[in-house]
Amino acid sequence: VTERPAAGLRRSWPQRLVILASLLFSVGMLAGAVRLASFEDAVASIVRIEVPAGVLADVPADAEDAEATGEPAEDGDDPAAKPLSPRNFLLIGTDSAVGLDADDPAGHRDRTPGVALADAIMLLRLDPGLSRASLVSLPRDLYVMIYRNGVPVREEKLASALLVGGMELGAPTIVETVTNEFGVPVHNFVIIDFLGFENIVDEIGGVSLWFPYPARDVASGLYVSESGCTLFDGRAALSFVRSRKPELFIDGAWQRVGVWNDLERNRRQQDFLVLAMERVIANGARSVIVRDDLIEAIAGATILDDRLTLRDLLNLGTAFADFDPTSLERHSLPVYDDMVGTSSVLRLHSDARKVFDVFRGITLRPDDVPLDVIDRRGPIEESVPAFQQMVYKGFPVRPLIGEAVPATTVRASRDRFDAAVLVGQMVTPMPRFEFDDALEDRVELILGQDFGSFLLAPRDLEQVKAVAQAALGESGNLGDPGSTADGEGTQDEGALPVFEPASALATGGDSSSSAVPFRATRQTLRIRTTTFDGRRPDGSRCP
């Protein structure tokens, strides 16, 4: 384990600023060769935690790995043009108060400054091939089995995993617990503490937040004297992301906002992360001319695992150079209250599986993909219609027929890329892919004369995704409305629907835009429905 001053394994609370900040902007700025030397020195200075073998998941081989090992690329392949593999980061935010000023409200607590819990824990999935970033907060009160060195230790709240692991194995213990309890691979982690968070916010010049009324949280030290936009420095920003019991001054009195739980606080932390990222970009983080002090502040505020390299940061920075922070896909875990002895805890609802699927690389399930199966194989006799096999797999299917074509093809809009890949996993031989934005939400599976069968077990996801991404990158692949594998229109006249997907189409919407899940509370105080996310009513951010 790399030695570190007493501040040790701290650095990690508003971890959101950590990773997305340290990955999206710290890497975006180094894209210029002029800044590479300074950035390389800064990365080399970051404290690293040595992680035991088998704790972090291996990142699937990327195109540059073949180049590094000297293996020749296939004819016509450009390794540099191939997308990087997706990877999951665990963002660990500790409540270590080491280094804070004596009058900082964040340092007032019933523990010594160096004893820290993992109060803020997030999973961030970066998919460079699709320029997609997904984020979910893991509530600290989740009651889980803590794993250390591959062995289940005891059941505790997730926040306690840092303490159970101890100074040397704190972060690896959280990684093991998340992997074993939620079935999600973790490839890298980033840690930041209170002081590191304050320093980064100060270095970017603060973050402006909009409030509909004066606001306060006596416990966290949050205080806003008037409505409108307020520029928060590091200390004030920390009081905002720590706020658990916010109040607004409405109609001459302080009124409680929301139900005062960690789920609401997680939502506000994510709101702040997006606003901070926008601030960083507005200050020139995508430019090759970036202040050395900003690079150094990020490097000095974070702790990384020993596997995240300078090359990884450079590659991710290039892939996400044009990323819009507002397009971050945000997910909420469905949880419910429970009691363990006299302690109030949270447990996962069964629907949490769908959220974790995103971070497993399973963004959709069959019942999420209404599908047109268009049989264009020509005359064929079979006891069970081919489309019925996809019904058995859970797809809401509308069967159609058309004139014979040679190739089996999956067609979808670019926005339905994941749905097209899921369908492609079920077919042999590997289908062609065509992307036509005129299809909107429709996904088509055209069974051509080369169609073999539907697979009992889905084909390897990364294999199918690579084929689909290659098709997505072909400039001539965006077809005209109504075109199919042979360029002819689909013949719907003979269609004979036998399955109505209406019930499947009525499923819930995007979890990233849903309201914060309700968590029961035993308190009966009057609750104001007014909320605040730091943005103006029109959705714009403060300057």
Protein backbone atom coordinates (compact mmCIF):
# COMPACT_ATOMS: atom_id res chain seq x y z
CA VAL A 1 0.00 0.00 0.00
CA THR A 2 1.35 3.39 -0.88
CA GLU A 3 2.34 5.34 2.21
CA ARG A 4 0.50 8.53 2.97
CA PRO A 5 0.43 11.10 5.74
CA ALA A 6 -2.15 10.74 8.48
CA ALA A 7 -4.80 11.97 6.08
CA GLY A 8 -4.42 8.49 4.61
CA LEU A 9 -7.45 6.77 3.24
CA ARG A 10 -9.68 9.73 3.36
CA ARG A 11 -10.34 11.98 0.40
CA SER A 12 -13.78 11.11 -0.72
CA TRP A 13 -17.13 12.58 0.04
CA PRO A 14 -18.86 14.53 -2.69
CA GLN A 15 -17.26 11.95 -4.80
CA ARG A 16 -19.36 13.03 -7.64
CA LEU A 17 -17.06 15.98 -8.25
CA VAL A 18 -14.33 13.45 -7.88
CA ILE A 19 -14.68 11.07 -10.70
CA LEU A 20 -16.77 12.78 -13.28
CA ALA A 21 -14.78 15.85 -12.43
CA SER A 22 -11.43 14.15 -12.37
CA LEU A 23 -12.20 11.99 -15.36
CA LEU A 24 -14.25 14.25 -17.58
CA PHE A 25 -12.51 17.53 -17.07
CA SER A 26 -9.12 16.60 -15.76
CA VAL A 27 -8.69 14.38 -18.77
CA GLY A 28 -10.40 16.73 -21.16
CA MET A 29 -7.91 19.44 -20.44
CA LEU A 30 -4.90 17.27 -21.00
CA ALA A 31 -5.92 16.47 -24.54
CA GLY A 32 -3.44 19.07 -25.75
CA ALA A 33 0.16 17.93 -26.03
CA VAL A 34 1.22 21.29 -24.63
CA ARG A 35 -0.32 20.32 -21.26
CA LEU A 36 0.75 16.67 -21.27
CA ALA A 37 3.96 17.08 -19.28
CA SER A 38 2.25 18.98 -16.44
CA PHE A 39 -0.63 16.54 -16.38
CA GLU A 40 1.67 13.53 -16.36
CA ASP A 41 3.52 14.96 -13.36
CA ALA A 42 0.21 15.60 -11.58
CA VAL A 43 -1.09 12.09 -12.23
CA ALA A 44 2.17 10.64 -10.95
CA SER A 45 1.69 12.56 -7.70
CA ILE A 46 -1.77 11.09 -6.98
CA VAL A 47 -1.85 8.78 -3.99
CA ARG A 48 -2.66 5.20 -5.00
CA ILE A 49 -4.12 2.30 -3.05
CA GLU A 50 -2.71 -1.12 -3.83
CA VAL A 51 -5.67 -3.41 -4.49
CA PRO A 52 -5.48 -7.16 -3.80
CA ALA A 53 -5.74 -9.43 -6.84
CA GLY A 54 -9.26 -10.35 -7.86
CA VAL A 55 -10.99 -7.36 -6.23
CA LEU A 56 -11.24 -5.09 -9.27
CA ALA A 57 -12.78 -6.49 -12.44
CA ASP A 58 -10.69 -6.68 -15.58
CA VAL A 59 -11.60 -4.21 -18.30
CA PRO A 60 -12.42 -6.08 -21.54
CA ALA A 61 -9.56 -5.84 -24.01
CA ASP A 62 -9.55 -2.55 -25.87
CA ALA A 63 -8.19 -1.83 -29.30
CA GLU A 64 -5.03 -0.25 -27.88
CA ASP A 65 -4.29 -3.43 -25.93
CA ALA A 66 -3.60 -5.27 -29.18
CA GLU A 67 -1.27 -2.49 -30.18
CA ALA A 68 0.53 -2.68 -26.82
CA THR A 69 1.06 -6.43 -27.13
CA GLY A 70 2.25 -6.17 -30.71
CA GLU A 71 -0.61 -8.20 -32.17
CA PRO A 72 -1.37 -7.11 -35.73
CA ALA A 73 -4.71 -5.53 -36.47
CA GLU A 74 -7.00 -7.10 -39.01
CA ASP A 75 -6.83 -5.81 -42.55
CA GLY A 76 -8.56 -2.51 -42.90
CA ASP A 77 -8.93 -2.04 -39.15
CA ASP A 78 -7.86 1.19 -37.54
CA PRO A 79 -7.15 0.42 -33.86
CA ALA A 80 -7.35 4.07 -32.94
CA ALA A 81 -10.88 4.26 -34.35
CA LYS A 82 -12.22 1.36 -32.29
CA PRO A 83 -14.22 2.37 -29.20
CA LEU A 84 -12.91 1.74 -25.71
CA SER A 85 -14.68 -0.82 -23.54
CA PRO A 86 -17.16 0.41 -20.91
CA ARG A 87 -15.90 0.54 -17.34
CA ASN A 88 -17.46 1.11 -13.92
CA PHE A 89 -16.00 3.48 -11.35
CA LEU A 90 -16.93 3.35 -7.69
CA LEU A 91 -16.95 6.89 -6.30
CA ILE A 92 -16.33 6.81 -2.57
CA GLY A 93 -17.01 9.92 -0.53
CA THR A 94 -15.64 9.79 3.01
CA ASP A 95 -16.59 12.12 5.83
CA SER A 96 -12.99 12.49 7.05
CA ALA A 97 -12.57 15.92 8.59
CA VAL A 98 -8.77 15.93 8.57
CA GLY A 99 -7.40 19.32 7.53
CA LEU A 100 -10.62 21.32 7.96
CA ASP A 101 -10.57 24.64 9.78
CA ALA A 102 -11.72 24.53 13.39
CA ASP A 103 -14.78 26.66 12.59
CA ASP A 104 -15.87 24.56 9.60
CA PRO A 105 -19.29 23.01 10.40
CA ALA A 106 -18.29 19.83 8.57
CA GLY A 107 -15.68 19.15 11.22
CA HIS A 108 -18.14 19.21 14.13
CA ARG A 109 -18.97 15.59 14.89
CA ASP A 110 -18.71 12.90 17.56
CA ARG A 111 -15.73 11.07 16.03
CA THR A 112 -12.05 11.90 15.74
CA PRO A 113 -11.23 13.64 12.43
CA GLY A 114 -9.34 10.66 10.97
CA VAL A 115 -12.11 8.08 11.55
CA ALA A 116 -14.24 8.10 8.43
CA LEU A 117 -17.35 6.45 7.07
CA ALA A 118 -18.29 6.14 3.40
CA ASP A 119 -21.18 8.57 3.52
CA ALA A 120 -21.50 9.06 -0.22
CA ILE A 121 -21.10 6.12 -2.58
CA MET A 122 -21.84 6.18 -6.29
CA LEU A 123 -21.46 3.91 -9.27
CA LEU A 124 -20.45 5.65 -12.49
CA ARG A 125 -20.45 3.75 -15.79
CA LEU A 126 -18.55 5.29 -18.69
CA ASP A 127 -19.22 3.83 -22.14
CA PRO A 128 -16.82 5.62 -24.52
CA GLY A 129 -18.20 3.84 -27.59
CA LEU A 130 -21.60 5.43 -27.06
CA SER A 131 -20.36 8.58 -25.26
CA ARG A 132 -22.72 7.59 -22.47
CA ALA A 133 -22.29 8.10 -18.73
CA SER A 134 -24.65 6.58 -16.15
CA LEU A 135 -24.73 7.32 -12.43
CA VAL A 136 -26.51 5.84 -9.41
CA SER A 137 -26.13 6.65 -5.72
CA LEU A 138 -25.91 3.75 -3.27
CA PRO A 139 -27.62 4.87 -0.03
CA ARG A 140 -25.27 4.60 2.92
CA ASP A 141 -27.94 2.94 5.08
CA LEU A 142 -28.34 -0.09 2.78
CA TYR A 143 -28.10 -3.18 4.99
CA VAL A 144 -25.73 -5.59 3.29
CA MET A 145 -23.22 -8.35 3.96
CA ILE A 146 -19.76 -6.80 4.13
CA TYR A 147 -17.06 -8.73 2.24
CA ARG A 148 -13.32 -8.52 2.91
CA ASN A 149 -10.61 -10.62 1.26
CA GLY A 150 -13.30 -12.63 -0.48
CA VAL A 151 -14.94 -13.65 2.78
CA PRO A 152 -18.32 -12.47 4.15
CA VAL A 153 -17.59 -10.73 7.47
CA ARG A 154 -20.89 -9.51 8.91
CA GLU A 155 -24.04 -7.63 7.98
CA GLU A 156 -23.76 -3.87 8.37
CA LYS A 157 -24.83 -0.66 6.75
CA LEU A 158 -22.92 -0.09 3.54
CA ALA A 159 -21.29 3.05 4.99
CA SER A 160 -19.50 0.87 7.56
CA ALA A 161 -17.57 -1.08 4.93
CA LEU A 162 -14.77 1.48 5.05
CA LEU A 163 -14.29 0.90 8.77
CA VAL A 164 -14.60 -2.88 8.49
CA GLY A 165 -11.84 -2.91 5.90
CA GLY A 166 -9.54 -0.76 8.00
CA MET A 167 -6.88 1.70 6.84
CA GLU A 168 -5.35 -0.55 4.19
CA LEU A 169 -8.40 -2.42 2.89
CA GLY A 170 -11.16 0.16 3.36
CA ALA A 171 -11.76 0.99 -0.30
CA PRO A 172 -11.16 -2.60 -1.55
CA THR A 173 -13.69 -3.80 1.06
CA ILE A 174 -16.35 -1.48 -0.32
CA VAL A 175 -15.54 -2.67 -3.84
CA GLU A 176 -15.85 -6.32 -2.80
CA THR A 177 -19.14 -5.63 -1.03
CA VAL A 178 -20.66 -3.83 -4.00
CA THR A 179 -19.52 -6.54 -6.39
CA ASN A 180 -20.79 -9.43 -4.28
CA GLU A 181 -24.02 -7.88 -3.02
CA PHE A 182 -25.17 -6.19 -6.23
CA GLY A 183 -23.50 -8.30 -8.92
CA VAL A 184 -21.85 -5.26 -10.49
CA PRO A 185 -18.21 -5.35 -11.67
CA VAL A 186 -16.05 -2.46 -10.47
CA HIS A 187 -13.02 -1.64 -12.61
CA ASN A 188 -11.63 1.41 -10.78
CA PHE A 189 -12.40 3.63 -7.79
CA VAL A 190 -11.88 7.26 -6.83
CA ILE A 191 -11.87 8.69 -3.30
CA ILE A 192 -12.21 12.26 -2.04
CA ASP A 193 -12.81 13.72 1.43
CA PHE A 194 -14.25 16.95 2.80
CA LEU A 195 -11.08 18.98 2.41
CA GLY A 196 -10.43 17.69 -1.09
CA PHE A 197 -13.95 18.60 -2.13
CA GLU A 198 -13.66 22.14 -0.75
CA ASN A 199 -10.31 22.65 -2.47
CA ILE A 200 -11.60 21.56 -5.88
CA VAL A 201 -14.70 23.77 -5.66
CA ASP A 202 -12.55 26.75 -4.65
CA GLU A 203 -10.15 26.05 -7.50
CA ILE A 204 -12.91 26.16 -10.13
CA GLY A 205 -14.10 29.49 -8.75
CA GLY A 206 -17.10 28.16 -6.85
CA VAL A 207 -20.48 26.97 -8.12
CA SER A 208 -23.59 29.16 -8.37
CA LEU A 209 -26.89 27.71 -7.13
CA TRP A 210 -30.41 29.10 -7.44
CA PHE A 211 -32.87 28.97 -4.53
CA PRO A 212 -36.59 29.83 -4.69
CA TYR A 213 -36.50 31.14 -1.09
CA PRO A 214 -33.90 31.76 1.61
CA ALA A 215 -32.60 28.38 2.78
CA ARG A 216 -30.84 26.81 5.74
CA ASP A 217 -29.80 23.54 7.35
CA VAL A 218 -28.72 24.07 10.92
CA ALA A 219 -26.89 20.74 11.10
CA SER A 220 -24.79 21.10 7.93
CA GLY A 221 -24.21 24.85 8.21
CA LEU A 222 -26.11 25.70 5.02
CA TYR A 223 -27.41 29.26 5.02
CA VAL A 224 -28.71 31.30 2.08
CA SER A 225 -30.07 34.73 3.04
CA GLU A 226 -32.09 35.50 -0.09
CA SER A 227 -33.69 33.87 -3.08
CA GLY A 228 -32.04 33.78 -6.48
CA CYS A 229 -28.51 32.88 -7.48
CA THR A 230 -25.78 32.51 -4.86
CA LEU A 231 -22.12 31.71 -5.53
CA PHE A 232 -20.98 28.89 -3.22
CA ASP A 233 -17.34 28.54 -2.31
CA GLY A 234 -15.90 25.20 -1.18
CA ARG A 235 -17.15 25.36 2.41
CA ALA A 236 -20.64 26.52 1.45
CA ALA A 237 -20.83 23.89 -1.30
CA LEU A 238 -19.94 21.20 1.23
CA SER A 239 -22.76 22.37 3.49
CA PHE A 240 -25.15 22.01 0.54
CA VAL A 241 -24.16 18.48 -0.50
CA ARG A 242 -24.14 17.39 3.18
CA SER A 243 -27.57 18.89 3.84
CA ARG A 244 -30.05 16.31 5.07
CA LYS A 245 -32.66 18.55 6.74
CA PRO A 246 -33.05 21.60 4.50
CA GLU A 247 -35.60 24.31 5.27
CA LEU A 248 -36.90 27.19 3.17
CA PHE A 249 -38.15 30.51 4.54
CA ILE A 250 -41.71 30.63 3.15
CA ASP A 251 -44.55 32.90 4.25
CA GLY A 252 -42.53 34.31 7.13
CA ALA A 253 -41.51 30.98 8.65
CA TRP A 254 -38.93 28.24 8.17
CA GLN A 255 -40.63 25.30 6.44
CA ARG A 256 -39.28 21.76 6.18
CA VAL A 257 -38.55 20.62 2.61
CA GLY A 258 -39.18 17.03 1.60
CA VAL A 259 -39.05 14.07 3.98
CA TRP A 260 -35.46 14.61 5.13
CA ASN A 261 -33.71 11.44 4.03
CA ASP A 262 -30.57 10.35 2.25
CA LEU A 263 -32.39 9.68 -1.01
CA GLU A 264 -33.21 13.36 -1.35
CA ARG A 265 -29.66 14.29 -0.39
CA ASN A 266 -28.27 11.89 -3.00
CA ARG A 267 -30.39 13.64 -5.60
CA ARG A 268 -29.07 17.05 -4.59
CA GLN A 269 -25.50 15.76 -4.65
CA GLN A 270 -26.01 14.62 -8.23
CA ASP A 271 -27.56 18.00 -9.09
CA PHE A 272 -24.47 19.71 -7.72
CA LEU A 273 -22.15 17.41 -9.64
CA VAL A 274 -23.77 18.32 -12.94
CA LEU A 275 -23.68 22.04 -12.15
CA ALA A 276 -20.03 21.80 -11.10
CA MET A 277 -19.15 20.03 -14.33
CA GLU A 278 -20.90 22.74 -16.35
CA ARG A 279 -18.94 25.34 -14.39
CA VAL A 280 -15.65 23.59 -15.12
CA ILE A 281 -16.42 23.36 -18.84
CA ALA A 282 -17.51 27.01 -18.91
CA ASN A 283 -14.14 27.89 -17.40
CA GLY A 284 -12.29 26.23 -20.27
CA ALA A 285 -11.71 22.65 -19.17
CA ARG A 286 -11.99 21.54 -22.79
CA SER A 287 -9.32 23.97 -23.89
CA VAL A 288 -5.67 23.02 -24.22
CA ILE A 289 -4.86 26.08 -22.12
CA VAL A 290 -5.72 25.08 -18.56
CA ARG A 291 -4.32 26.34 -15.29
CA ASP A 292 -1.68 24.19 -13.64
CA ASP A 293 -3.23 24.92 -10.25
CA LEU A 294 -6.52 23.29 -11.30
CA ILE A 295 -4.74 20.16 -12.46
CA GLU A 296 -2.73 20.07 -9.24
CA ALA A 297 -5.83 20.65 -7.09
CA ILE A 298 -7.60 17.68 -8.65
CA ALA A 299 -4.54 15.48 -8.28
CA GLY A 300 -4.02 16.54 -4.67
CA ALA A 301 -7.65 16.00 -3.68
CA THR A 302 -8.18 12.47 -4.95
CA ILE A 303 -6.98 8.95 -4.25
CA LEU A 304 -7.12 6.30 -6.98
CA ASP A 305 -6.66 2.58 -7.27
CA ASP A 306 -3.29 1.40 -8.55
CA ARG A 307 -4.68 0.24 -11.91
CA LEU A 308 -6.00 3.50 -13.35
CA THR A 309 -3.24 4.77 -15.62
CA LEU A 310 -2.35 8.00 -17.36
CA ARG A 311 -3.21 6.29 -20.63
CA ASP A 312 -6.67 5.40 -19.30
CA LEU A 313 -7.29 9.03 -18.38
CA LEU A 314 -6.09 10.30 -21.74
CA ASN A 315 -8.26 7.84 -23.65
CA LEU A 316 -11.36 8.59 -21.57
CA GLY A 317 -10.74 12.31 -21.91
CA THR A 318 -10.61 12.02 -25.69
CA ALA A 319 -13.75 9.88 -25.80
CA PHE A 320 -15.73 12.31 -23.62
CA ALA A 321 -14.28 15.57 -24.91
CA ASP A 322 -17.69 16.73 -26.14
CA PHE A 323 -19.76 15.24 -23.33
CA ASP A 324 -22.66 17.37 -22.11
CA PRO A 325 -23.02 17.01 -18.30
CA THR A 326 -26.80 17.41 -18.58
CA SER A 327 -26.93 14.18 -20.61
CA LEU A 328 -25.63 12.20 -17.62
CA GLU A 329 -28.09 9.34 -17.11
CA ARG A 330 -29.11 9.37 -13.47
CA HIS A 331 -30.78 6.41 -11.78
CA SER A 332 -32.47 5.96 -8.41
CA LEU A 333 -32.51 2.71 -6.46
CA PRO A 334 -35.92 1.61 -5.15
CA VAL A 335 -35.58 0.92 -1.43
CA TYR A 336 -37.78 0.43 1.62
CA ASP A 337 -37.35 0.99 5.35
CA ASP A 338 -36.67 -1.79 7.80
CA MET A 339 -35.46 -2.21 11.36
CA VAL A 340 -32.53 -4.31 12.57
CA GLY A 341 -32.77 -4.29 16.32
CA THR A 342 -33.13 -0.64 17.18
CA SER A 343 -31.35 0.56 14.03
CA SER A 344 -33.23 1.94 11.04
CA VAL A 345 -31.86 0.55 7.77
CA LEU A 346 -32.70 0.39 4.08
CA ARG A 347 -33.22 -2.71 1.98
CA LEU A 348 -33.40 -3.01 -1.79
CA HIS A 349 -36.68 -3.54 -3.55
CA SER A 350 -36.71 -6.35 -6.11
CA ASP A 351 -36.96 -3.77 -8.91
CA ALA A 352 -33.40 -2.66 -8.09
CA ARG A 353 -32.28 -5.41 -10.48
CA LYS A 354 -33.24 -3.22 -13.43
CA VAL A 355 -31.05 -0.36 -12.20
CA PHE A 356 -28.04 -2.57 -11.59
CA ASP A 357 -28.51 -4.10 -15.05
CA VAL A 358 -27.37 -0.76 -16.50
CA PHE A 359 -24.04 -1.13 -14.70
CA ARG A 360 -23.74 -4.76 -15.72
CA GLY A 361 -24.01 -3.69 -19.34
CA ILE A 362 -27.63 -4.90 -19.58
CA THR A 363 -29.47 -1.74 -20.40
CA LEU A 364 -32.66 -3.44 -21.52
CA ARG A 365 -34.64 -6.60 -20.99
CA PRO A 366 -36.84 -8.24 -23.62
CA ASP A 367 -40.08 -6.88 -22.19
CA ASP A 368 -38.69 -3.35 -22.69
CA VAL A 369 -38.35 -3.83 -26.46
CA PRO A 370 -41.55 -3.94 -28.57
CA LEU A 371 -40.41 -5.68 -31.73
CA ASP A 372 -41.59 -6.04 -35.33
CA VAL A 373 -40.51 -9.49 -36.57
CA ILE A 374 -40.72 -9.34 -40.37
CA ASP A 375 -40.50 -12.77 -42.00
CA ARG A 376 -38.81 -12.34 -45.38
CA ARG A 377 -37.39 -15.82 -45.79
CA GLY A 378 -39.79 -16.77 -48.54
CA PRO A 379 -42.09 -19.82 -48.45
CA ILE A 380 -41.24 -22.05 -45.51
CA GLU A 381 -43.05 -24.69 -43.47
CA GLU A 382 -42.61 -24.84 -39.71
CA SER A 383 -44.77 -26.12 -36.88
CA VAL A 384 -44.12 -23.06 -34.69
CA PRO A 385 -43.87 -19.64 -36.40
CA ALA A 386 -40.41 -18.13 -36.00
CA PHE A 387 -41.71 -14.96 -34.37
CA GLN A 388 -43.24 -17.05 -31.57
CA GLN A 389 -39.74 -17.88 -30.34
CA MET A 390 -39.16 -14.21 -29.59
CA VAL A 391 -42.49 -14.07 -27.77
CA TYR A 392 -41.29 -16.93 -25.58
CA LYS A 393 -38.16 -14.89 -24.80
CA GLY A 394 -40.33 -12.07 -23.48
CA PHE A 395 -40.39 -9.62 -26.41
CA PRO A 396 -43.72 -7.93 -27.21
CA VAL A 397 -43.91 -8.98 -30.88
CA ARG A 398 -45.87 -7.79 -33.89
CA PRO A 399 -45.43 -10.35 -36.69
CA LEU A 400 -45.24 -9.10 -40.28
CA ILE A 401 -44.36 -10.67 -43.63
CA GLY A 402 -42.62 -9.47 -46.77
CA GLU A 403 -40.91 -10.57 -49.94
CA ALA A 404 -37.77 -12.67 -49.61
CA VAL A 405 -34.42 -10.99 -48.93
CA PRO A 406 -30.99 -12.62 -48.50
CA ALA A 407 -29.77 -11.20 -45.17
CA THR A 408 -31.17 -11.22 -41.66
CA THR A 409 -31.06 -7.65 -40.40
CA VAL A 410 -31.83 -5.72 -37.22
CA ARG A 411 -33.03 -2.18 -37.85
CA ALA A 412 -33.50 0.61 -35.32
CA SER A 413 -32.87 4.29 -34.73
CA ARG A 414 -29.58 5.31 -33.18
CA ASP A 415 -31.39 6.10 -29.94
CA ARG A 416 -32.48 2.46 -29.80
CA PHE A 417 -28.96 1.09 -30.17
CA ASP A 418 -29.18 -0.98 -26.97
CA ALA A 419 -32.47 -2.51 -28.08
CA ALA A 420 -30.95 -3.47 -31.44
CA VAL A 421 -28.00 -5.13 -29.70
CA LEU A 422 -30.33 -7.09 -27.42
CA VAL A 423 -32.27 -8.43 -30.40
CA GLY A 424 -29.02 -9.24 -32.20
CA GLN A 425 -27.91 -11.36 -29.25
CA MET A 426 -30.78 -13.75 -29.90
CA VAL A 427 -30.16 -14.55 -33.57
CA THR A 428 -27.82 -16.85 -35.46
CA PRO A 429 -25.96 -16.29 -37.64
CA MET A 430 -24.88 -12.81 -36.55
CA PRO A 431 -27.34 -10.40 -38.18
CA ARG A 432 -26.55 -7.23 -40.06
CA PHE A 433 -27.40 -3.93 -38.36
CA GLU A 434 -28.91 -0.84 -39.94
CA PHE A 435 -29.67 2.40 -38.12
CA ASP A 436 -32.36 4.72 -39.41
CA ASP A 437 -33.58 7.55 -37.19
CA ALA A 438 -36.87 7.62 -39.09
CA LEU A 439 -37.79 4.41 -37.24
CA GLU A 440 -37.99 6.40 -34.00
CA ASP A 441 -38.95 3.91 -31.25
CA ARG A 442 -39.59 0.96 -33.55
CA VAL A 443 -37.17 -1.97 -33.68
CA GLU A 444 -37.34 -4.40 -36.60
CA LEU A 445 -35.96 -7.89 -36.93
CA ILE A 446 -36.00 -8.91 -40.60
CA LEU A 447 -35.61 -12.66 -41.04
CA GLY A 448 -33.72 -13.20 -44.29
CA GLN A 449 -32.97 -16.37 -46.22
CA ASP A 450 -29.75 -16.84 -44.23
CA PHE A 451 -31.64 -17.03 -40.93
CA GLY A 452 -30.66 -20.05 -38.87
CA SER A 453 -32.39 -20.03 -35.51
CA PHE A 454 -32.94 -18.19 -32.27
CA LEU A 455 -30.29 -18.93 -29.67
CA LEU A 456 -31.21 -20.64 -26.44
CA ALA A 457 -28.71 -18.45 -24.54
CA PRO A 458 -27.97 -14.87 -25.71
CA ARG A 459 -24.77 -14.34 -27.68
CA ASP A 460 -21.87 -12.52 -25.95
CA LEU A 461 -22.89 -8.89 -25.44
CA GLU A 462 -19.52 -7.32 -26.33
CA GLN A 463 -19.29 -9.36 -29.53
CA VAL A 464 -22.67 -8.18 -30.76
CA LYS A 465 -22.09 -4.61 -29.58
CA ALA A 466 -18.83 -4.43 -31.56
CA VAL A 467 -20.64 -5.45 -34.77
CA ALA A 468 -23.45 -2.97 -34.12
CA GLN A 469 -21.03 -0.13 -33.30
CA ALA A 470 -19.15 -0.77 -36.53
CA ALA A 471 -22.44 -0.49 -38.41
CA LEU A 472 -23.32 2.65 -36.46
CA GLY A 473 -20.11 4.26 -37.65
CA GLU A 474 -20.71 3.57 -41.32
CA SER A 475 -21.74 6.81 -42.97
CA GLY A 476 -23.95 5.03 -45.47
CA ASN A 477 -25.78 2.97 -42.91
CA LEU A 478 -28.54 5.42 -42.14
CA GLY A 479 -31.29 4.09 -44.33
CA ASP A 480 -34.27 5.82 -45.87
CA PRO A 481 -37.63 5.51 -44.16
CA GLY A 482 -39.24 2.19 -44.96
CA SER A 483 -36.08 0.58 -46.34
CA THR A 484 -35.10 -2.95 -45.34
CA ALA A 485 -32.24 -5.34 -45.90
CA ASP A 486 -32.58 -5.24 -49.67
CA GLY A 487 -33.63 -1.59 -49.92
CA GLU A 488 -37.30 -2.38 -50.52
CA GLY A 489 -40.17 -1.27 -48.34
CA THR A 490 -41.65 -3.53 -45.71
CA GLN A 491 -44.85 -5.20 -46.89
CA ASP A 492 -47.36 -4.80 -44.10
CA GLU A 493 -50.40 -5.78 -46.18
CA GLY A 494 -50.12 -9.42 -45.26
CA ALA A 495 -49.31 -8.78 -41.65
CA LEU A 496 -51.25 -10.85 -39.18
CA PRO A 497 -50.67 -9.57 -35.64
CA VAL A 498 -51.04 -12.34 -33.10
CA PHE A 499 -49.62 -10.57 -30.05
CA GLU A 500 -50.66 -7.20 -28.68
CA PRO A 501 -47.81 -5.52 -26.83
CA ALA A 502 -50.02 -2.82 -25.34
CA SER A 503 -49.40 -3.92 -21.77
CA ALA A 504 -45.65 -4.02 -22.31
CA LEU A 505 -45.68 -0.60 -23.92
CA ALA A 506 -47.33 0.78 -20.81
CA THR A 507 -44.32 0.12 -18.60
CA GLY A 508 -42.76 2.85 -16.54
CA GLY A 509 -40.61 5.64 -17.90
CA ASP A 510 -37.00 6.70 -17.58
CA SER A 511 -35.71 6.22 -14.05
CA SER A 512 -33.11 8.91 -14.63
CA SER A 513 -35.83 11.59 -14.74
CA SER A 514 -38.18 10.13 -12.13
CA ALA A 515 -38.85 11.79 -8.81
CA VAL A 516 -36.87 10.78 -5.77
CA PRO A 517 -38.38 7.52 -4.48
CA PHE A 518 -40.55 8.00 -1.42
CA ARG A 519 -39.11 6.63 1.76
CA ALA A 520 -41.43 6.26 4.73
CA THR A 521 -40.79 8.38 7.80
CA ARG A 522 -42.17 8.09 11.30
CA GLN A 523 -42.25 11.84 11.69
CA THR A 524 -45.53 13.61 11.06
CA LEU A 525 -44.33 17.21 10.62
CA ARG A 526 -45.86 19.19 7.82
CA ILE A 527 -43.80 18.71 4.66
CA ARG A 528 -43.46 21.30 1.92
CA THR A 529 -43.43 19.86 -1.58
CA THR A 530 -41.20 22.69 -2.79
CA THR A 531 -37.83 21.37 -3.91
CA PHE A 532 -34.68 22.92 -5.33
CA ASP A 533 -32.00 21.58 -7.65
CA GLY A 534 -29.81 24.66 -7.95
CA ARG A 535 -31.23 25.72 -11.32
CA ARG A 536 -33.49 28.57 -12.30
CA PRO A 537 -37.17 27.76 -12.97
CA ASP A 538 -36.48 27.68 -16.71
CA GLY A 539 -33.83 24.98 -16.19
CA SER A 540 -30.84 27.23 -16.87
CA ARG A 541 -27.90 27.42 -14.49
CA CYS A 542 -26.71 30.52 -12.70
CA PRO A 543 -23.63 32.21 -14.21
